[in-house]
Protein backbone atom coordinates (compact mmCIF):
# COMPACT_ATOMS: atom_id res chain seq x y z
CA UNK A 1 -71.73 -6.01 18.56
CA UNK A 2 -68.38 -4.75 19.93
CA UNK A 3 -65.00 -6.81 20.16
CA UNK A 4 -62.17 -5.74 22.32
CA UNK A 5 -58.68 -6.93 21.30
CA UNK A 6 -55.96 -6.91 23.85
CA UNK A 7 -52.25 -7.79 24.13
CA UNK A 8 -49.69 -7.61 27.04
CA UNK A 9 -46.15 -6.67 27.61
CA UNK A 10 -43.74 -8.07 30.36
CA UNK A 11 -40.79 -5.61 30.86
CA UNK A 12 -37.66 -6.28 32.98
CA UNK A 13 -34.99 -3.66 33.73
CA UNK A 14 -34.56 -0.10 32.53
CA UNK A 15 -35.61 1.48 29.24
CA UNK A 16 -32.06 1.58 27.74
CA UNK A 17 -30.97 -1.70 29.10
CA UNK A 18 -34.41 -3.55 29.47
CA UNK A 19 -36.28 -5.80 27.52
CA UNK A 20 -39.70 -7.24 27.19
CA UNK A 21 -42.02 -9.72 25.37
CA UNK A 22 -45.32 -8.49 24.07
CA UNK A 23 -47.87 -11.21 23.75
CA UNK A 24 -51.16 -11.13 21.54
CA UNK A 25 -54.32 -12.35 23.54
CA UNK A 26 -55.27 -14.42 20.58
CA UNK A 27 -52.24 -16.50 21.03
CA UNK A 28 -50.99 -15.79 17.55
CA UNK A 29 -47.64 -14.82 18.79
CA UNK A 30 -45.06 -13.44 21.19
CA UNK A 31 -42.69 -10.93 20.31
CA UNK A 32 -39.40 -9.65 21.79
CA UNK A 33 -39.35 -5.67 22.20
CA UNK A 34 -36.59 -3.47 23.45
CA UNK A 35 -35.33 0.19 23.33
CA UNK A 36 -32.55 -0.40 21.03
CA UNK A 37 -34.79 -1.87 18.42
CA UNK A 38 -37.27 1.21 18.63
CA UNK A 39 -34.44 3.82 18.71
CA UNK A 40 -31.88 2.27 16.41
CA UNK A 41 -33.53 -0.36 14.51
CA UNK A 42 -32.77 -4.06 15.22
CA UNK A 43 -33.79 -7.09 13.43
CA UNK A 44 -35.75 -9.98 15.10
CA UNK A 45 -37.00 -7.52 17.48
CA UNK A 46 -40.21 -5.89 17.02
CA UNK A 47 -41.27 -2.43 18.11
CA UNK A 48 -44.56 -0.65 19.03
CA UNK A 49 -44.53 1.23 15.64
CA UNK A 50 -44.05 -1.85 13.70
CA UNK A 51 -47.11 -3.50 15.77
CA UNK A 52 -48.78 -0.14 14.88
CA UNK A 53 -47.93 -0.42 11.30
CA UNK A 54 -49.31 -4.01 11.09
CA UNK A 55 -52.44 -2.90 12.67
CA UNK A 56 -52.96 0.04 10.25
CA UNK A 57 -52.19 -2.01 7.02
CA UNK A 58 -54.64 -4.71 7.91
CA UNK A 59 -57.46 -2.06 9.01
CA UNK A 60 -56.70 -0.19 5.50
CA UNK A 61 -56.77 -3.32 3.37
CA UNK A 62 -60.31 -4.26 4.98
CA UNK A 63 -61.55 -0.43 4.56
CA UNK A 64 -60.62 -0.35 0.95
CA UNK A 65 -61.77 -3.79 0.15
CA UNK A 66 -65.09 -2.98 1.84
CA UNK A 67 -65.25 0.44 -0.12
CA UNK A 68 -64.36 -0.85 -3.53
CA UNK A 69 -67.03 -3.64 -2.90
CA UNK A 70 -69.88 -1.05 -1.79
CA UNK A 71 -68.87 0.87 -5.05
CA UNK A 72 -69.32 -2.08 -7.45
CA UNK A 73 -65.80 -2.93 -7.89
CA UNK A 74 -64.81 -5.65 -5.82
CA UNK A 75 -61.13 -6.13 -5.43
CA UNK A 76 -59.14 -9.39 -6.66
CA UNK A 77 -56.36 -8.74 -4.10
CA UNK A 78 -54.91 -5.87 -2.15
CA UNK A 79 -51.19 -5.34 -0.90
CA UNK A 80 -50.86 -2.71 1.67
CA UNK A 81 -47.76 -1.65 3.53
CA UNK A 82 -47.37 0.78 6.19
CA UNK A 83 -44.53 2.63 7.70
CA UNK A 84 -44.53 4.33 10.93
CA UNK A 85 -41.62 6.55 11.73
CA UNK A 86 -40.45 7.08 15.34
CA UNK A 87 -37.70 9.64 16.50
CA UNK A 88 -36.62 9.48 20.11
CA UNK A 89 -37.55 12.43 22.23
CA UNK A 90 -40.22 13.10 19.50
CA UNK A 91 -42.33 10.14 19.21
CA UNK A 92 -44.28 8.91 16.15
CA UNK A 93 -43.68 11.63 13.35
CA UNK A 94 -45.38 10.13 10.31
CA UNK A 95 -47.24 7.37 8.80
CA UNK A 96 -47.22 6.34 4.92
CA UNK A 97 -49.49 3.89 3.52
CA UNK A 98 -48.48 2.20 0.09
CA UNK A 99 -51.33 0.17 -1.67
CA UNK A 100 -51.22 -1.99 -4.76
CA UNK A 101 -54.38 -3.79 -5.94
CA UNK A 102 -55.95 -5.51 -8.71
CA UNK A 103 -59.35 -4.21 -9.19
CA UNK A 104 -61.22 -5.33 -12.53
CA UNK A 105 -63.22 -2.47 -14.04
CA UNK A 106 -61.67 0.50 -12.11
CA UNK A 107 -59.23 3.20 -13.71
CA UNK A 108 -56.43 4.39 -11.75
CA UNK A 109 -58.03 7.72 -10.75
CA UNK A 110 -60.90 5.90 -9.27
CA UNK A 111 -58.46 3.72 -7.51
CA UNK A 112 -56.52 6.64 -5.93
CA UNK A 113 -59.89 8.10 -4.63
CA UNK A 114 -60.99 4.87 -3.39
CA UNK A 115 -57.79 4.62 -1.38
CA UNK A 116 -58.02 8.14 -0.03
CA UNK A 117 -61.50 7.13 1.12
CA UNK A 118 -60.24 4.09 2.78
CA UNK A 119 -57.50 6.17 4.51
CA UNK A 120 -59.96 8.50 5.90
CA UNK A 121 -62.53 5.73 6.89
CA UNK A 122 -60.16 3.15 8.42
CA UNK A 123 -60.79 2.96 12.16
CA UNK A 124 -57.06 2.83 12.84
CA UNK A 125 -56.40 5.89 11.03
CA UNK A 126 -59.07 7.70 12.89
CA UNK A 127 -57.54 6.59 16.18
CA UNK A 128 -54.26 7.98 14.81
CA UNK A 129 -55.52 11.31 13.53
CA UNK A 130 -53.03 13.07 15.60
CA UNK A 131 -50.31 12.01 13.31
CA UNK A 132 -49.67 13.13 9.84
CA UNK A 133 -50.74 10.08 7.60
CA UNK A 134 -50.06 9.88 3.74
CA UNK A 135 -51.05 7.84 0.99
CA UNK A 136 -47.53 7.49 -0.42
CA UNK A 137 -48.60 5.25 -3.39
CA UNK A 138 -51.97 3.85 -4.87
CA UNK A 139 -51.32 1.60 -7.78
CA UNK A 140 -53.44 -0.78 -9.84
CA UNK A 141 -51.77 -3.97 -10.95
């Protein structure tokens, strides 16, 4: 079975002065977007990169949970944060994943290995393979 997810953006105006809203088809939310937030960073306005970071963090957490469970060490909790760096004129220049988890029966080396496998096996990581993706930190609680 395949699932297709979608979102839409309504944009008004030029790149520099315009703005828009991105709506998730699931109905979960509508988010303001504009160039100033993307190029300079502005609170209360999202960016394509922030939305990408959210997608990557959730995908990575699911991949890690699956891998740990398959290995016989199911996690109690996983907390993942992803940072996507954007430079105007260059595009997305890097992605950093940080993860902390509680995994009974697993040592730190085993966790780092599992996190590296999840990074490689996460479908969002695969879709973003043209960007340098690093595992910035992998820590057991």
